[in-house]
């Protein structure tokens, strides 16, 4: 007789970067499946900016990821996607540098990073009180890689 295999859905984890989010996902999974279990971590997740509805101090949240026991021939890959905070700058060089800084800060490297969309819309902030008169919202980037802790 065959029984259904348990799969743990984690409602919400928070962190300031991909490494913190990965560690939180693993912590919940190991608490459920055991510290020695071989696990199949999710093959993708989308880190969204936290907002005022939640009282934690972390910048990003991931919701609804599922972890299972590992199975033969499973590929240990993950596509992490992140929505960056609003970026302001005095010109294109400053905007691009800030997007690059935030992306590298989240992922920890520039390896295998691609934009979610081909362009981002920059708008003029007419009443800016400093020299950062251009703003871009909604930049989303992704990175393909492997789970660092998977068996």
N, C-alpha and C. Protein backbone atom coordinates (compact mmCIF):
# COMPACT_ATOMS: atom_id res chain seq x y z
N UNK A 1 0.84 -1.18 0.00
CA UNK A 1 0.00 0.00 0.00
C UNK A 1 0.89 1.24 0.00
N UNK A 2 0.48 2.23 -0.73
CA UNK A 2 1.23 3.48 -0.82
C UNK A 2 0.43 4.58 -0.11
N UNK A 3 1.15 5.41 0.61
CA UNK A 3 0.52 6.50 1.34
C UNK A 3 0.92 7.84 0.74
N UNK A 4 0.09 8.85 0.91
CA UNK A 4 0.47 10.17 0.40
C UNK A 4 1.72 10.69 1.12
N UNK A 5 2.56 11.36 0.39
CA UNK A 5 3.78 11.93 0.97
C UNK A 5 3.48 13.31 1.54
N UNK A 6 3.89 13.56 2.78
CA UNK A 6 3.64 14.88 3.36
C UNK A 6 4.47 15.97 2.66
N UNK A 7 3.86 17.11 2.50
CA UNK A 7 4.53 18.29 1.95
C UNK A 7 4.21 19.45 2.88
N UNK A 8 5.23 20.15 3.32
CA UNK A 8 5.05 21.26 4.25
C UNK A 8 4.96 22.57 3.49
N UNK A 9 3.84 23.27 3.65
CA UNK A 9 3.69 24.61 3.09
C UNK A 9 3.95 25.62 4.20
N UNK A 10 4.93 26.47 3.96
CA UNK A 10 5.34 27.47 4.96
C UNK A 10 4.61 28.77 4.63
N UNK A 11 3.79 29.26 5.57
CA UNK A 11 2.95 30.41 5.24
C UNK A 11 3.71 31.70 4.95
N UNK A 12 4.76 32.01 5.73
CA UNK A 12 5.45 33.29 5.55
C UNK A 12 6.81 33.24 6.23
N UNK A 13 7.85 33.64 5.49
CA UNK A 13 9.17 33.85 6.08
C UNK A 13 9.64 35.24 5.67
N UNK A 14 10.46 35.84 6.50
CA UNK A 14 10.97 37.17 6.21
C UNK A 14 12.49 37.18 6.32
N UNK A 15 13.10 38.13 5.60
CA UNK A 15 14.54 38.30 5.65
C UNK A 15 14.95 39.53 4.87
N UNK A 16 16.20 39.92 5.05
CA UNK A 16 16.73 41.08 4.34
C UNK A 16 17.43 40.72 3.05
N UNK A 17 17.64 39.42 2.80
CA UNK A 17 18.30 38.99 1.57
C UNK A 17 17.97 37.52 1.31
N UNK A 18 18.45 37.01 0.19
CA UNK A 18 18.14 35.63 -0.20
C UNK A 18 18.70 34.62 0.80
N UNK A 19 19.88 34.87 1.32
CA UNK A 19 20.49 33.93 2.28
C UNK A 19 19.63 33.81 3.54
N UNK A 20 19.12 34.92 4.05
CA UNK A 20 18.25 34.87 5.23
C UNK A 20 16.94 34.15 4.92
N UNK A 21 16.35 34.41 3.76
CA UNK A 21 15.11 33.73 3.39
C UNK A 21 15.33 32.23 3.23
N UNK A 22 16.42 31.85 2.55
CA UNK A 22 16.74 30.43 2.39
C UNK A 22 16.90 29.75 3.74
N UNK A 23 17.60 30.41 4.67
CA UNK A 23 17.84 29.84 6.00
C UNK A 23 16.53 29.67 6.77
N UNK A 24 15.63 30.62 6.65
CA UNK A 24 14.34 30.52 7.34
C UNK A 24 13.49 29.38 6.76
N UNK A 25 13.50 29.26 5.43
CA UNK A 25 12.76 28.16 4.80
C UNK A 25 13.32 26.83 5.28
N UNK A 26 14.64 26.72 5.31
CA UNK A 26 15.26 25.48 5.76
C UNK A 26 14.97 25.22 7.24
N UNK A 27 14.98 26.26 8.05
CA UNK A 27 14.71 26.08 9.49
C UNK A 27 13.33 25.48 9.72
N UNK A 28 12.32 26.02 9.05
CA UNK A 28 10.97 25.47 9.19
C UNK A 28 10.91 24.03 8.68
N UNK A 29 11.55 23.77 7.55
CA UNK A 29 11.53 22.42 6.98
C UNK A 29 12.22 21.41 7.88
N UNK A 30 13.36 21.77 8.44
CA UNK A 30 14.10 20.85 9.31
C UNK A 30 13.33 20.61 10.62
N UNK A 31 12.62 21.61 11.10
CA UNK A 31 11.82 21.43 12.31
C UNK A 31 10.70 20.42 12.07
N UNK A 32 10.17 20.37 10.86
CA UNK A 32 9.09 19.44 10.55
C UNK A 32 9.61 18.06 10.15
N UNK A 33 10.53 18.01 9.20
CA UNK A 33 10.99 16.73 8.65
C UNK A 33 12.13 16.10 9.44
N UNK A 34 12.83 16.88 10.26
CA UNK A 34 13.98 16.37 11.00
C UNK A 34 15.28 16.89 10.41
N UNK A 35 16.28 16.96 11.25
CA UNK A 35 17.54 17.57 10.83
C UNK A 35 18.33 16.72 9.84
N UNK A 36 18.08 15.41 9.80
CA UNK A 36 18.84 14.53 8.91
C UNK A 36 18.10 14.20 7.61
N UNK A 37 16.89 14.69 7.45
CA UNK A 37 16.09 14.36 6.27
C UNK A 37 16.68 15.00 5.02
N UNK A 38 16.63 14.26 3.90
CA UNK A 38 16.99 14.82 2.61
C UNK A 38 15.75 15.51 2.07
N UNK A 39 15.89 16.79 1.76
CA UNK A 39 14.72 17.61 1.43
C UNK A 39 14.75 18.11 0.00
N UNK A 40 13.58 18.32 -0.54
CA UNK A 40 13.40 18.95 -1.85
C UNK A 40 12.82 20.34 -1.58
N UNK A 41 13.67 21.34 -1.68
CA UNK A 41 13.24 22.71 -1.44
C UNK A 41 12.50 23.23 -2.67
N UNK A 42 11.74 24.31 -2.53
CA UNK A 42 10.96 24.82 -3.66
C UNK A 42 11.87 25.18 -4.85
N UNK A 43 11.34 25.03 -6.06
CA UNK A 43 12.14 25.35 -7.24
C UNK A 43 12.05 26.82 -7.63
N UNK A 44 11.20 27.58 -6.93
CA UNK A 44 11.15 29.04 -7.15
C UNK A 44 10.45 29.71 -5.99
N UNK A 45 10.82 30.97 -5.79
CA UNK A 45 10.05 31.81 -4.87
C UNK A 45 10.15 33.26 -5.28
N UNK A 46 9.21 34.05 -4.80
CA UNK A 46 9.11 35.47 -5.13
C UNK A 46 9.15 36.26 -3.83
N UNK A 47 10.24 36.98 -3.63
CA UNK A 47 10.40 37.81 -2.43
C UNK A 47 9.79 39.19 -2.70
N UNK A 48 8.79 39.52 -1.92
CA UNK A 48 8.12 40.81 -2.07
C UNK A 48 8.48 41.71 -0.90
N UNK A 49 8.40 43.00 -1.14
CA UNK A 49 8.68 43.95 -0.07
C UNK A 49 7.64 43.80 1.03
N UNK A 50 8.10 43.82 2.29
CA UNK A 50 7.15 43.81 3.39
C UNK A 50 6.50 45.19 3.42
N UNK A 51 5.39 45.28 4.11
CA UNK A 51 4.69 46.56 4.17
C UNK A 51 4.23 46.84 5.59
N UNK A 52 3.52 47.91 5.75
CA UNK A 52 3.10 48.33 7.08
C UNK A 52 2.08 47.39 7.72
N UNK A 53 1.53 46.44 6.98
CA UNK A 53 0.57 45.50 7.55
C UNK A 53 1.23 44.49 8.49
N UNK A 54 2.54 44.37 8.40
CA UNK A 54 3.25 43.41 9.24
C UNK A 54 4.23 44.16 10.12
N UNK A 55 4.42 43.68 11.33
CA UNK A 55 5.23 44.42 12.29
C UNK A 55 6.65 43.89 12.42
N UNK A 56 7.17 43.25 11.36
CA UNK A 56 8.55 42.80 11.46
C UNK A 56 9.47 43.82 10.81
N UNK A 57 10.73 43.73 11.12
CA UNK A 57 11.68 44.73 10.64
C UNK A 57 12.43 44.26 9.40
N UNK A 58 12.09 43.13 8.85
CA UNK A 58 12.77 42.61 7.67
C UNK A 58 12.21 43.26 6.41
N UNK A 59 13.04 43.35 5.39
CA UNK A 59 12.67 44.06 4.17
C UNK A 59 11.80 43.24 3.22
N UNK A 60 12.03 41.91 3.18
CA UNK A 60 11.35 41.07 2.21
C UNK A 60 10.59 39.93 2.88
N UNK A 61 9.54 39.47 2.19
CA UNK A 61 8.75 38.34 2.68
C UNK A 61 8.48 37.38 1.52
N UNK A 62 8.49 36.10 1.84
CA UNK A 62 8.12 35.05 0.90
C UNK A 62 6.97 34.28 1.54
N UNK A 63 5.94 34.02 0.76
CA UNK A 63 4.77 33.34 1.30
C UNK A 63 4.43 32.09 0.48
N UNK A 64 4.00 31.05 1.18
CA UNK A 64 3.43 29.88 0.54
C UNK A 64 4.38 28.94 -0.16
N UNK A 65 5.64 28.87 0.25
CA UNK A 65 6.54 27.90 -0.39
C UNK A 65 6.31 26.52 0.21
N UNK A 66 6.57 25.49 -0.58
CA UNK A 66 6.35 24.11 -0.15
C UNK A 66 7.66 23.35 -0.19
N UNK A 67 7.90 22.57 0.87
CA UNK A 67 9.09 21.72 0.97
C UNK A 67 8.61 20.28 1.10
N UNK A 68 9.29 19.38 0.39
CA UNK A 68 8.94 17.97 0.41
C UNK A 68 10.18 17.15 0.75
N UNK A 69 9.98 15.88 0.99
CA UNK A 69 11.12 14.98 1.07
C UNK A 69 11.73 14.86 -0.32
N UNK A 70 13.02 14.64 -0.36
CA UNK A 70 13.71 14.51 -1.63
C UNK A 70 13.28 13.23 -2.34
N UNK A 71 13.42 13.21 -3.65
CA UNK A 71 13.12 12.03 -4.44
C UNK A 71 14.23 11.82 -5.48
N UNK A 72 14.36 10.61 -5.99
CA UNK A 72 15.44 10.33 -6.95
C UNK A 72 15.32 11.20 -8.21
N UNK A 73 16.46 11.61 -8.73
CA UNK A 73 16.57 12.36 -9.98
C UNK A 73 15.96 13.77 -9.93
N UNK A 74 15.73 14.29 -8.74
CA UNK A 74 15.23 15.66 -8.64
C UNK A 74 16.36 16.63 -8.91
N UNK A 75 16.05 17.69 -9.62
CA UNK A 75 17.06 18.72 -9.89
C UNK A 75 17.08 19.71 -8.73
N UNK A 76 18.25 20.00 -8.22
CA UNK A 76 18.41 20.96 -7.12
C UNK A 76 18.58 22.36 -7.70
N UNK A 77 17.49 22.93 -8.20
CA UNK A 77 17.56 24.27 -8.77
C UNK A 77 16.53 25.17 -8.09
N UNK A 78 16.80 26.45 -8.14
CA UNK A 78 15.85 27.42 -7.60
C UNK A 78 15.96 28.70 -8.42
N UNK A 79 14.80 29.29 -8.68
CA UNK A 79 14.75 30.61 -9.30
C UNK A 79 14.20 31.56 -8.25
N UNK A 80 15.05 32.46 -7.80
CA UNK A 80 14.64 33.46 -6.81
C UNK A 80 14.30 34.75 -7.55
N UNK A 81 13.15 35.31 -7.22
CA UNK A 81 12.73 36.58 -7.80
C UNK A 81 12.52 37.57 -6.66
N UNK A 82 12.93 38.81 -6.87
CA UNK A 82 12.78 39.82 -5.83
C UNK A 82 12.24 41.11 -6.44
N UNK A 83 11.33 41.75 -5.72
CA UNK A 83 10.85 43.09 -6.06
C UNK A 83 11.66 44.08 -5.25
N UNK A 84 12.41 44.92 -5.93
CA UNK A 84 13.29 45.88 -5.24
C UNK A 84 12.49 47.08 -4.73
N UNK A 85 13.02 47.74 -3.70
CA UNK A 85 12.36 48.97 -3.23
C UNK A 85 12.47 50.08 -4.28
N UNK A 86 11.72 51.13 -4.10
CA UNK A 86 11.79 52.29 -4.98
C UNK A 86 13.21 52.84 -5.01
N UNK A 87 13.66 53.19 -6.21
CA UNK A 87 15.01 53.71 -6.39
C UNK A 87 14.90 55.16 -6.87
N UNK A 88 15.68 56.05 -6.24
CA UNK A 88 15.73 57.46 -6.65
C UNK A 88 17.16 57.84 -6.96
N UNK A 89 17.30 58.74 -7.91
CA UNK A 89 18.64 59.20 -8.26
C UNK A 89 18.60 60.47 -9.09
N UNK A 90 19.77 61.04 -9.29
CA UNK A 90 19.89 62.28 -10.04
C UNK A 90 20.03 62.08 -11.54
N UNK A 91 20.22 60.85 -11.97
CA UNK A 91 20.36 60.56 -13.40
C UNK A 91 20.46 59.07 -13.62
N UNK A 92 20.66 58.70 -14.88
CA UNK A 92 20.66 57.30 -15.25
C UNK A 92 21.77 56.51 -14.56
N UNK A 93 22.96 57.08 -14.46
CA UNK A 93 24.08 56.36 -13.84
C UNK A 93 23.78 56.05 -12.37
N UNK A 94 23.20 56.99 -11.68
CA UNK A 94 22.87 56.80 -10.27
C UNK A 94 21.75 55.77 -10.08
N UNK A 95 20.75 55.82 -10.95
CA UNK A 95 19.64 54.86 -10.90
C UNK A 95 20.18 53.45 -11.16
N UNK A 96 20.96 53.28 -12.22
CA UNK A 96 21.50 51.96 -12.56
C UNK A 96 22.41 51.42 -11.45
N UNK A 97 23.23 52.28 -10.88
CA UNK A 97 24.13 51.85 -9.80
C UNK A 97 23.34 51.41 -8.57
N UNK A 98 22.27 52.09 -8.26
CA UNK A 98 21.47 51.72 -7.09
C UNK A 98 20.72 50.41 -7.32
N UNK A 99 20.20 50.21 -8.52
CA UNK A 99 19.55 48.94 -8.85
C UNK A 99 20.56 47.80 -8.73
N UNK A 100 21.75 48.00 -9.24
CA UNK A 100 22.80 46.98 -9.16
C UNK A 100 23.17 46.71 -7.70
N UNK A 101 23.30 47.77 -6.90
CA UNK A 101 23.66 47.60 -5.49
C UNK A 101 22.59 46.81 -4.74
N UNK A 102 21.32 47.17 -4.92
CA UNK A 102 20.23 46.48 -4.24
C UNK A 102 20.14 45.01 -4.67
N UNK A 103 20.35 44.77 -5.96
CA UNK A 103 20.29 43.41 -6.48
C UNK A 103 21.41 42.56 -5.88
N UNK A 104 22.63 43.08 -5.90
CA UNK A 104 23.77 42.35 -5.35
C UNK A 104 23.61 42.16 -3.85
N UNK A 105 23.08 43.16 -3.17
CA UNK A 105 22.85 43.06 -1.73
C UNK A 105 21.85 41.95 -1.41
N UNK A 106 20.82 41.80 -2.24
CA UNK A 106 19.83 40.74 -1.99
C UNK A 106 20.38 39.36 -2.32
N UNK A 107 20.94 39.20 -3.52
CA UNK A 107 21.37 37.88 -3.97
C UNK A 107 22.75 37.48 -3.46
N UNK A 108 23.59 38.44 -3.11
CA UNK A 108 24.93 38.14 -2.64
C UNK A 108 25.96 38.07 -3.75
N UNK A 109 25.52 38.11 -5.00
CA UNK A 109 26.44 38.11 -6.14
C UNK A 109 25.68 38.59 -7.36
N UNK A 110 26.41 38.74 -8.46
CA UNK A 110 25.78 39.13 -9.72
C UNK A 110 25.63 37.94 -10.66
N UNK A 111 25.86 36.74 -10.16
CA UNK A 111 25.84 35.55 -10.98
C UNK A 111 24.41 35.20 -11.42
N UNK A 112 24.23 34.97 -12.69
CA UNK A 112 22.98 34.50 -13.29
C UNK A 112 21.76 35.35 -12.94
N UNK A 113 21.93 36.67 -12.98
CA UNK A 113 20.84 37.59 -12.69
C UNK A 113 20.25 38.11 -13.99
N UNK A 114 18.93 38.11 -14.08
CA UNK A 114 18.24 38.65 -15.24
C UNK A 114 17.07 39.51 -14.77
N UNK A 115 16.74 40.55 -15.54
CA UNK A 115 15.57 41.36 -15.16
C UNK A 115 14.29 40.60 -15.44
N UNK A 116 13.28 40.84 -14.64
CA UNK A 116 11.97 40.23 -14.86
C UNK A 116 11.34 40.84 -16.12
N UNK A 117 11.49 42.13 -16.29
CA UNK A 117 10.99 42.84 -17.47
C UNK A 117 12.19 43.47 -18.18
N UNK A 118 12.05 43.74 -19.47
CA UNK A 118 13.14 44.28 -20.26
C UNK A 118 13.49 45.73 -19.96
N UNK A 119 12.58 46.46 -19.36
CA UNK A 119 12.86 47.85 -19.04
C UNK A 119 12.13 48.25 -17.77
N UNK A 120 12.54 49.37 -17.20
CA UNK A 120 11.83 49.91 -16.04
C UNK A 120 11.50 51.36 -16.33
N UNK A 121 10.35 51.77 -15.91
CA UNK A 121 9.86 53.13 -16.18
C UNK A 121 10.37 54.10 -15.12
N UNK A 122 11.16 55.07 -15.56
CA UNK A 122 11.68 56.10 -14.68
C UNK A 122 10.79 57.33 -14.83
N UNK A 123 10.39 57.90 -13.70
CA UNK A 123 9.55 59.10 -13.75
C UNK A 123 10.25 60.27 -13.07
N UNK A 124 9.91 61.45 -13.52
CA UNK A 124 10.43 62.67 -12.93
C UNK A 124 9.63 62.99 -11.68
N UNK A 125 10.33 63.31 -10.59
CA UNK A 125 9.69 63.72 -9.34
C UNK A 125 9.81 65.23 -9.28
N UNK A 126 8.77 65.96 -9.72
CA UNK A 126 8.89 67.41 -9.88
C UNK A 126 9.12 68.17 -8.57
N UNK A 127 8.63 67.67 -7.47
CA UNK A 127 8.77 68.40 -6.21
C UNK A 127 9.87 67.82 -5.31
N UNK A 128 10.86 67.16 -5.92
CA UNK A 128 11.96 66.59 -5.14
C UNK A 128 12.73 67.70 -4.45
N UNK A 129 13.02 67.50 -3.16
CA UNK A 129 13.71 68.52 -2.38
C UNK A 129 15.22 68.34 -2.41
N UNK A 130 15.70 67.32 -3.09
CA UNK A 130 17.14 67.13 -3.23
C UNK A 130 17.45 66.90 -4.71
N UNK A 131 18.66 66.50 -5.02
CA UNK A 131 19.03 66.30 -6.42
C UNK A 131 18.57 64.96 -6.98
N UNK A 132 17.88 64.17 -6.19
CA UNK A 132 17.37 62.86 -6.65
C UNK A 132 15.97 63.07 -7.23
N UNK A 133 15.93 63.61 -8.45
CA UNK A 133 14.65 63.99 -9.04
C UNK A 133 14.05 62.94 -9.97
N UNK A 134 14.69 61.78 -10.08
CA UNK A 134 14.15 60.69 -10.89
C UNK A 134 13.88 59.49 -10.00
N UNK A 135 12.81 58.76 -10.33
CA UNK A 135 12.40 57.65 -9.48
C UNK A 135 11.91 56.49 -10.35
N UNK A 136 12.23 55.27 -9.89
CA UNK A 136 11.73 54.08 -10.56
C UNK A 136 11.16 53.14 -9.50
N UNK A 137 9.97 52.63 -9.79
CA UNK A 137 9.29 51.68 -8.90
C UNK A 137 9.05 50.40 -9.68
N UNK A 138 8.90 49.31 -8.94
CA UNK A 138 8.50 48.06 -9.56
C UNK A 138 9.59 47.29 -10.28
N UNK A 139 10.85 47.52 -9.94
CA UNK A 139 11.92 46.75 -10.56
C UNK A 139 11.95 45.37 -9.92
N UNK A 140 11.91 44.36 -10.76
CA UNK A 140 11.91 42.98 -10.30
C UNK A 140 13.01 42.24 -11.05
N UNK A 141 13.88 41.55 -10.31
CA UNK A 141 14.97 40.79 -10.93
C UNK A 141 14.93 39.36 -10.41
N UNK A 142 15.54 38.47 -11.17
CA UNK A 142 15.56 37.07 -10.74
C UNK A 142 16.95 36.49 -10.92
N UNK A 143 17.18 35.41 -10.19
CA UNK A 143 18.45 34.71 -10.23
C UNK A 143 18.18 33.22 -10.24
N UNK A 144 18.84 32.51 -11.12
CA UNK A 144 18.74 31.06 -11.15
C UNK A 144 19.97 30.48 -10.46
N UNK A 145 19.75 29.45 -9.67
CA UNK A 145 20.87 28.84 -8.97
C UNK A 145 20.49 27.52 -8.34
N UNK A 146 21.20 27.17 -7.31
CA UNK A 146 20.96 25.93 -6.58
C UNK A 146 20.73 26.25 -5.10
N UNK A 147 20.01 25.38 -4.42
CA UNK A 147 19.85 25.51 -2.99
C UNK A 147 21.18 25.15 -2.33
N UNK A 148 21.72 26.01 -1.50
CA UNK A 148 23.03 25.73 -0.92
C UNK A 148 23.04 24.59 0.08
N UNK A 149 21.89 24.30 0.69
CA UNK A 149 21.87 23.31 1.78
C UNK A 149 21.22 22.01 1.38
N UNK A 150 20.73 21.91 0.17
CA UNK A 150 20.01 20.69 -0.23
C UNK A 150 20.98 19.50 -0.32
N UNK A 151 20.45 18.35 0.00
CA UNK A 151 21.29 17.13 -0.03
C UNK A 151 21.53 16.69 -1.46
